[in-house]
């Protein structure tokens, strides 16, 4: 596919200025294909993972459709987690740098709802929310979606996996029937197709091939190790590569707690995040991680959705993920913002089959550690 510069995508002057100031000149594949379709008013399904530039793929055309004189909600973005909602809001606000009188507001659980009442009353054309808190505001009458032009479901597969299907459908039913509906998902499950059939009109489907979404800036390495030797192996790797910031991925909450506790006992500055960690504590941990007061973050996949820390030098797969998409998402936490990164996977005998499947699908070289 021909590579496109943002100047070729019919973007307004002030928005283009913000994009260029963010250091971007050339559209990623998902942006080059999705932006013209969304501009044209078509419903769209984008199959693309984290790290492909999908936020800008929907944020750029969404911003262009806003009437700045109208302070009511015109764009609704639904995200599976608080962290992703916050990150999407940050991206919108970067793009809005030179746009006057257009506001993006994140709403999510864990933040005082009264503060959100006040912000909604002041007016925001772009609402970025988690399904539960968004539905809560709708029921309270503090959020009205009758003037929404576009609904975006970001990481729809994650929202469905987390049990938000009923909430999503209730929210969609409160929006105008002539709205534009954009859906991004790493996978196309039967539940995704159900949403598509019931809430989209002849959607354009865009798929980003697997080889396009595996970051070339990331050195990918794996090690064969016994299950009971994984902690020693991890510590040896941390000692060898000495990353300033790193993320250790585990498949379960219990394992996250165990690994974080063991690393701290060994003298490392580590902390774990997963679905049972309260939002206030999670925010504190992430603040410490970004400020280098914690240099090892241990996380489950869902807890790490929306993480965007530019200086993560290494990702460790302490446990091999069950899905190929999760592997791609994990390694995409490093090698960001033009930097290089390293992804190291600890593979036990029981994980060999799953890891062979990952190696087959990612279509890139994952080398055995020497």
Protein backbone atom coordinates (compact mmCIF):
# COMPACT_ATOMS: atom_id res chain seq x y z
CA UNK A 1 0.00 0.00 0.00
CA UNK A 2 1.20 3.52 -0.86
CA UNK A 3 2.48 5.42 2.16
CA UNK A 4 0.56 8.62 2.87
CA UNK A 5 1.61 11.82 4.54
CA UNK A 6 -0.92 13.53 6.79
CA UNK A 7 -0.93 16.52 4.41
CA UNK A 8 -2.57 14.22 1.85
CA UNK A 9 -5.52 13.31 4.11
CA UNK A 10 -7.55 16.54 3.84
CA UNK A 11 -6.96 17.51 7.49
CA UNK A 12 -7.67 21.06 8.66
CA UNK A 13 -4.77 23.45 9.22
CA UNK A 14 -4.87 23.61 13.03
CA UNK A 15 -5.26 19.86 13.47
CA UNK A 16 -2.47 19.16 10.97
CA UNK A 17 -0.25 21.58 12.91
CA UNK A 18 -0.86 19.61 16.12
CA UNK A 19 -0.10 16.30 14.39
CA UNK A 20 3.18 17.60 12.96
CA UNK A 21 4.16 19.10 16.33
CA UNK A 22 3.65 15.66 17.89
CA UNK A 23 6.42 14.45 15.55
CA UNK A 24 4.25 12.58 13.06
CA UNK A 25 4.34 13.21 9.33
CA UNK A 26 3.44 9.85 7.77
CA UNK A 27 0.24 7.95 8.51
CA UNK A 28 0.44 4.36 9.78
CA UNK A 29 -1.41 1.70 7.73
CA UNK A 30 -4.51 1.79 9.95
CA UNK A 31 -4.57 5.61 9.82
CA UNK A 32 -4.11 5.77 6.05
CA UNK A 33 -6.99 3.33 5.49
CA UNK A 34 -9.40 4.36 8.26
CA UNK A 35 -9.26 8.17 8.23
CA UNK A 36 -10.68 8.66 4.69
CA UNK A 37 -13.48 6.14 5.38
CA UNK A 38 -14.46 7.85 8.64
CA UNK A 39 -14.29 11.26 6.94
CA UNK A 40 -16.70 9.89 4.33
CA UNK A 41 -19.20 9.04 7.08
CA UNK A 42 -19.01 5.25 6.80
CA UNK A 43 -19.33 2.86 9.72
CA UNK A 44 -16.06 0.99 10.17
CA UNK A 45 -14.56 -2.10 11.78
CA UNK A 46 -10.83 -1.85 12.31
CA UNK A 47 -8.97 -5.01 13.26
CA UNK A 48 -5.77 -3.67 14.73
CA UNK A 49 -3.85 -4.05 17.97
CA UNK A 50 -2.33 -1.56 20.40
CA UNK A 51 0.69 0.27 19.00
CA UNK A 52 -0.63 0.65 15.44
CA UNK A 53 -1.75 4.26 15.81
CA UNK A 54 -5.44 3.38 16.00
CA UNK A 55 -6.29 6.13 18.50
CA UNK A 56 -5.31 8.84 16.02
CA UNK A 57 -7.06 6.85 13.28
CA UNK A 58 -10.41 7.61 14.91
CA UNK A 59 -9.54 10.77 16.86
CA UNK A 60 -8.46 12.84 13.85
CA UNK A 61 -11.68 12.45 11.81
CA UNK A 62 -13.80 12.62 14.98
CA UNK A 63 -12.37 16.04 15.86
CA UNK A 64 -13.02 17.30 12.35
CA UNK A 65 -16.74 16.47 12.65
CA UNK A 66 -17.29 18.55 15.81
CA UNK A 67 -19.29 21.76 15.88
CA UNK A 68 -17.26 23.91 18.29
CA UNK A 69 -20.25 26.19 18.95
CA UNK A 70 -22.28 23.28 20.33
CA UNK A 71 -21.14 22.30 23.87
CA UNK A 72 -23.16 19.07 23.96
CA UNK A 73 -21.59 15.62 23.64
CA UNK A 74 -21.02 14.88 19.94
CA UNK A 75 -18.40 12.12 20.08
CA UNK A 76 -18.51 9.17 22.47
CA UNK A 77 -15.53 6.83 22.90
CA UNK A 78 -16.01 3.72 25.04
CA UNK A 79 -12.89 2.02 26.48
CA UNK A 80 -12.55 -1.16 28.59
CA UNK A 81 -10.40 0.30 31.38
CA UNK A 82 -9.79 3.52 33.23
CA UNK A 83 -6.16 3.55 32.07
CA UNK A 84 -7.09 3.34 28.41
CA UNK A 85 -9.79 6.02 28.79
CA UNK A 86 -7.21 8.34 30.34
CA UNK A 87 -4.69 7.60 27.62
CA UNK A 88 -7.21 8.17 24.82
CA UNK A 89 -8.17 11.49 26.45
CA UNK A 90 -4.51 12.51 26.53
CA UNK A 91 -4.19 11.76 22.80
CA UNK A 92 -7.32 13.76 22.00
CA UNK A 93 -6.05 16.73 23.98
CA UNK A 94 -2.70 16.65 22.18
CA UNK A 95 -4.56 16.80 18.88
CA UNK A 96 -6.81 19.61 20.18
CA UNK A 97 -3.83 21.81 21.04
CA UNK A 98 -4.65 24.41 18.36
CA UNK A 99 -8.41 23.88 18.28
CA UNK A 100 -10.45 26.44 20.22
CA UNK A 101 -13.59 25.66 22.24
CA UNK A 102 -13.45 21.87 21.78
CA UNK A 103 -13.05 19.80 24.94
CA UNK A 104 -12.40 16.12 25.63
CA UNK A 105 -13.51 14.71 28.99
CA UNK A 106 -12.64 11.26 30.40
CA UNK A 107 -15.23 9.72 32.76
CA UNK A 108 -14.50 6.53 34.69
CA UNK A 109 -14.97 4.80 38.00
CA UNK A 110 -12.62 5.59 40.86
CA UNK A 111 -12.75 9.33 40.25
CA UNK A 112 -15.17 11.38 42.41
CA UNK A 113 -18.44 11.46 40.48
CA UNK A 114 -19.24 15.00 41.70
CA UNK A 115 -16.15 16.28 39.88
CA UNK A 116 -17.47 14.64 36.73
CA UNK A 117 -20.91 16.23 37.27
CA UNK A 118 -19.28 19.67 37.25
CA UNK A 119 -17.17 18.94 34.17
CA UNK A 120 -20.16 17.58 32.24
CA UNK A 121 -22.21 20.64 33.21
CA UNK A 122 -19.51 22.94 31.79
CA UNK A 123 -19.78 21.05 28.51
CA UNK A 124 -17.53 18.72 26.51
CA UNK A 125 -18.03 17.65 22.92
CA UNK A 126 -15.88 14.52 23.29
CA UNK A 127 -16.67 12.02 26.05
CA UNK A 128 -14.22 9.16 26.66
CA UNK A 129 -15.60 6.72 29.18
CA UNK A 130 -15.69 3.25 30.57
CA UNK A 131 -19.05 1.53 29.98
CA UNK A 132 -20.06 1.31 33.64
CA UNK A 133 -19.45 4.97 34.52
CA UNK A 134 -20.90 6.19 31.20
CA UNK A 135 -24.11 4.26 31.81
CA UNK A 136 -24.21 5.58 35.39
CA UNK A 137 -24.17 9.18 34.12
CA UNK A 138 -26.86 8.40 31.54
CA UNK A 139 -29.13 6.96 34.24
CA UNK A 140 -28.51 9.99 36.49
CA UNK A 141 -29.33 12.36 33.64
CA UNK A 142 -25.92 14.03 33.84
CA UNK A 143 -24.89 12.79 30.38
CA UNK A 144 -27.18 13.15 27.38
CA UNK A 145 -26.22 11.49 24.11
CA UNK A 146 -29.07 12.68 21.91
CA UNK A 147 -26.71 14.87 19.84
CA UNK A 148 -23.95 12.30 19.42
CA UNK A 149 -22.72 12.04 15.83
CA UNK A 150 -20.18 9.25 16.32
CA UNK A 151 -19.68 6.36 18.76
CA UNK A 152 -16.28 4.64 18.89
CA UNK A 153 -15.82 1.28 20.61
CA UNK A 154 -12.09 1.04 21.34
CA UNK A 155 -10.72 -2.44 22.07
CA UNK A 156 -14.22 -3.87 21.77
CA UNK A 157 -13.03 -7.44 22.32
CA UNK A 158 -11.60 -6.49 25.72
CA UNK A 159 -14.85 -4.79 26.74
CA UNK A 160 -16.83 -7.91 25.83
CA UNK A 161 -14.34 -10.18 27.62
CA UNK A 162 -14.82 -8.05 30.74
CA UNK A 163 -18.60 -8.51 30.65
CA UNK A 164 -19.64 -5.09 29.35
CA UNK A 165 -21.85 -6.26 26.49
CA UNK A 166 -25.17 -5.37 28.18
CA UNK A 167 -23.86 -1.93 29.21
CA UNK A 168 -22.57 -1.22 25.70
CA UNK A 169 -25.90 -2.13 24.14
CA UNK A 170 -27.84 0.04 26.61
CA UNK A 171 -25.53 2.98 25.83
CA UNK A 172 -25.84 2.53 22.06
CA UNK A 173 -29.62 2.46 22.38
CA UNK A 174 -29.58 5.98 23.88
CA UNK A 175 -27.72 7.47 20.88
CA UNK A 176 -29.31 8.66 17.61
CA UNK A 177 -29.92 5.91 15.05
CA UNK A 178 -28.23 7.95 12.33
CA UNK A 179 -24.95 8.12 14.29
CA UNK A 180 -21.69 6.84 12.77
CA UNK A 181 -20.38 3.76 14.62
CA UNK A 182 -16.67 2.90 14.62
CA UNK A 183 -15.39 -0.32 16.17
CA UNK A 184 -11.77 -1.28 16.82
CA UNK A 185 -10.87 -4.76 17.99
CA UNK A 186 -7.84 -7.04 17.91
CA UNK A 187 -10.06 -10.06 17.22
CA UNK A 188 -13.37 -10.74 15.47
CA UNK A 189 -15.32 -12.95 17.87
CA UNK A 190 -18.99 -13.96 17.43
CA UNK A 191 -19.93 -11.34 20.04
CA UNK A 192 -18.14 -8.65 18.03
CA UNK A 193 -20.05 -9.70 14.93
CA UNK A 194 -23.31 -9.53 16.92
CA UNK A 195 -22.62 -5.89 17.78
CA UNK A 196 -21.70 -5.21 14.17
CA UNK A 197 -24.90 -6.74 12.83
CA UNK A 198 -27.19 -4.93 15.28
CA UNK A 199 -25.53 -1.52 15.59
CA UNK A 200 -23.60 -0.80 12.38
CA UNK A 201 -24.75 -0.05 8.85
CA UNK A 202 -22.81 -1.84 6.10
CA UNK A 203 -19.46 -1.25 7.83
CA UNK A 204 -16.18 -1.02 5.99
CA UNK A 205 -13.79 -3.67 7.34
CA UNK A 206 -10.09 -2.83 7.59
CA UNK A 207 -7.62 -5.47 8.74
CA UNK A 208 -3.98 -4.75 9.47
CA UNK A 209 -1.95 -7.83 8.63
CA UNK A 210 -0.06 -9.49 11.48
CA UNK A 211 3.35 -8.69 10.02
CA UNK A 212 2.46 -5.00 9.97
CA UNK A 213 1.71 -4.85 13.68
CA UNK A 214 4.78 -6.56 15.09
CA UNK A 215 7.17 -3.79 16.05
CA UNK A 216 10.44 -3.93 14.11
CA UNK A 217 12.19 -1.78 16.72
CA UNK A 218 11.89 -4.57 19.30
CA UNK A 219 14.49 -7.27 19.78
CA UNK A 220 12.53 -10.45 20.58
CA UNK A 221 14.24 -13.22 22.56
CA UNK A 222 13.05 -16.37 24.29
CA UNK A 223 14.58 -18.68 26.87
CA UNK A 224 13.78 -22.29 27.71
CA UNK A 225 13.44 -22.67 31.47
CA UNK A 226 11.77 -24.92 33.99
CA UNK A 227 8.69 -23.55 35.70
CA UNK A 228 10.33 -23.61 39.14
CA UNK A 229 13.38 -21.76 37.77
CA UNK A 230 11.52 -18.84 36.24
CA UNK A 231 12.12 -16.40 39.09
CA UNK A 232 15.88 -17.04 39.10
CA UNK A 233 15.90 -16.71 35.31
CA UNK A 234 14.01 -13.42 35.48
CA UNK A 235 16.39 -11.99 38.09
CA UNK A 236 19.41 -13.06 36.00
CA UNK A 237 17.96 -11.29 32.96
CA UNK A 238 17.19 -8.13 34.91
CA UNK A 239 20.76 -8.16 36.24
CA UNK A 240 22.22 -8.73 32.77
CA UNK A 241 20.24 -6.10 30.85
CA UNK A 242 19.61 -3.69 33.75
CA UNK A 243 16.65 -1.83 32.16
CA UNK A 244 15.74 1.52 33.70
CA UNK A 245 12.05 0.66 33.35
CA UNK A 246 10.59 -2.75 32.61
CA UNK A 247 7.25 -4.57 32.67
CA UNK A 248 6.83 -8.20 33.73
CA UNK A 249 3.66 -9.81 32.36
CA UNK A 250 1.82 -12.65 34.09
CA UNK A 251 -1.42 -14.41 33.20
CA UNK A 252 -3.10 -14.27 36.61
CA UNK A 253 -3.60 -11.87 39.49
CA UNK A 254 -2.15 -14.36 41.94
CA UNK A 255 1.04 -14.70 39.93
CA UNK A 256 1.39 -10.92 39.66
CA UNK A 257 1.26 -10.64 43.45
CA UNK A 258 3.76 -13.47 43.92
CA UNK A 259 6.28 -12.12 41.42
CA UNK A 260 6.04 -8.53 42.69
CA UNK A 261 6.42 -9.66 46.31
CA UNK A 262 9.47 -11.82 45.47
CA UNK A 263 11.17 -9.06 43.49
CA UNK A 264 10.70 -6.62 46.37
CA UNK A 265 12.13 -9.18 48.81
CA UNK A 266 15.18 -9.40 46.54
CA UNK A 267 15.71 -5.65 46.78
CA UNK A 268 14.10 -4.50 43.54
CA UNK A 269 11.64 -1.58 43.33
CA UNK A 270 8.63 -3.45 41.97
CA UNK A 271 4.85 -3.16 42.18
CA UNK A 272 1.99 -5.19 40.74
CA UNK A 273 -1.26 -4.10 39.08
CA UNK A 274 -4.26 -6.25 38.20
CA UNK A 275 -8.04 -6.13 38.33
CA UNK A 276 -8.22 -6.40 42.13
CA UNK A 277 -5.94 -3.41 42.75
CA UNK A 278 -8.02 -0.35 43.65
CA UNK A 279 -7.98 2.48 41.13
CA UNK A 280 -6.46 4.97 43.57
CA UNK A 281 -3.60 2.60 44.34
CA UNK A 282 -3.16 1.79 40.64
CA UNK A 283 -2.86 5.50 39.85
CA UNK A 284 -0.24 5.90 42.58
CA UNK A 285 1.75 2.92 41.26
CA UNK A 286 1.64 4.25 37.69
CA UNK A 287 2.76 7.71 38.84
CA UNK A 288 5.72 6.16 40.66
CA UNK A 289 6.54 4.03 37.60
CA UNK A 290 6.51 7.01 35.25
CA UNK A 291 8.71 8.96 37.66
CA UNK A 292 11.19 6.07 38.07
CA UNK A 293 10.40 5.59 41.76
CA UNK A 294 9.35 2.06 40.76
CA UNK A 295 11.32 0.55 37.92
CA UNK A 296 9.63 -2.85 37.54
CA UNK A 297 5.90 -3.06 36.92
CA UNK A 298 4.32 -6.52 37.19
CA UNK A 299 0.97 -6.70 35.42
CA UNK A 300 -1.81 -8.77 33.89
CA UNK A 301 -2.85 -8.03 30.30
CA UNK A 302 -6.10 -6.25 31.14
CA UNK A 303 -4.48 -4.07 33.81
CA UNK A 304 -1.84 -2.98 31.31
CA UNK A 305 -4.33 -1.91 28.62
CA UNK A 306 -3.76 1.71 27.74
CA UNK A 307 -0.32 1.88 29.34
CA UNK A 308 1.83 4.30 27.38
CA UNK A 309 5.15 4.94 29.09
CA UNK A 310 7.72 6.04 26.54
CA UNK A 311 10.88 4.81 28.28
CA UNK A 312 10.11 1.14 28.94
CA UNK A 313 13.32 -0.57 27.84
CA UNK A 314 12.30 -4.20 28.33
CA UNK A 315 9.23 -6.41 28.58
CA UNK A 316 9.42 -9.83 30.23
CA UNK A 317 6.83 -12.49 29.50
CA UNK A 318 7.09 -14.34 32.81
CA UNK A 319 4.22 -16.48 31.57
CA UNK A 320 3.43 -17.03 27.90
CA UNK A 321 0.11 -15.38 26.97
CA UNK A 322 -2.77 -17.54 25.84
CA UNK A 323 -3.51 -15.42 22.78
CA UNK A 324 -1.25 -14.22 19.96
CA UNK A 325 -2.81 -10.75 20.19
CA UNK A 326 -1.80 -10.54 23.85
CA UNK A 327 1.82 -11.24 22.94
CA UNK A 328 1.76 -8.42 20.38
CA UNK A 329 0.11 -6.09 22.88
CA UNK A 330 2.69 -6.93 25.54
CA UNK A 331 5.78 -6.40 23.43
CA UNK A 332 4.27 -3.18 22.09
CA UNK A 333 4.76 -1.61 25.53
CA UNK A 334 8.46 -1.22 24.67
CA UNK A 335 10.15 0.22 21.57
CA UNK A 336 7.77 3.19 21.56
CA UNK A 337 8.18 6.78 20.36
CA UNK A 338 10.98 5.86 17.98
CA UNK A 339 13.05 4.05 20.60
CA UNK A 340 14.30 0.47 20.51
CA UNK A 341 13.22 -2.12 23.03
CA UNK A 342 13.69 -5.71 24.09
CA UNK A 343 11.09 -8.43 24.74
CA UNK A 344 12.18 -11.58 26.59
CA UNK A 345 9.90 -14.59 26.98
CA UNK A 346 10.43 -17.30 29.61
CA UNK A 347 9.14 -20.55 28.11
CA UNK A 348 8.59 -23.68 30.20
CA UNK A 349 8.07 -27.15 28.73
CA UNK A 350 4.31 -26.85 29.21
CA UNK A 351 4.28 -23.57 27.27
CA UNK A 352 6.25 -24.78 24.24
CA UNK A 353 3.20 -25.54 22.11
CA UNK A 354 1.60 -22.14 22.72
CA UNK A 355 4.88 -20.32 22.09
CA UNK A 356 5.41 -22.18 18.80
CA UNK A 357 1.96 -20.95 17.76
CA UNK A 358 2.92 -17.38 18.63
CA UNK A 359 6.20 -17.63 16.69
CA UNK A 360 4.30 -18.93 13.67
CA UNK A 361 1.76 -16.11 13.69
CA UNK A 362 3.90 -13.06 14.45
CA UNK A 363 5.96 -13.61 11.28
CA UNK A 364 9.12 -12.20 12.76
CA UNK A 365 12.29 -13.72 14.15
CA UNK A 366 12.25 -14.55 17.86
CA UNK A 367 15.74 -15.69 18.76
CA UNK A 368 16.78 -18.24 21.37
CA UNK A 369 18.77 -16.52 24.14
CA UNK A 370 22.44 -17.51 24.30
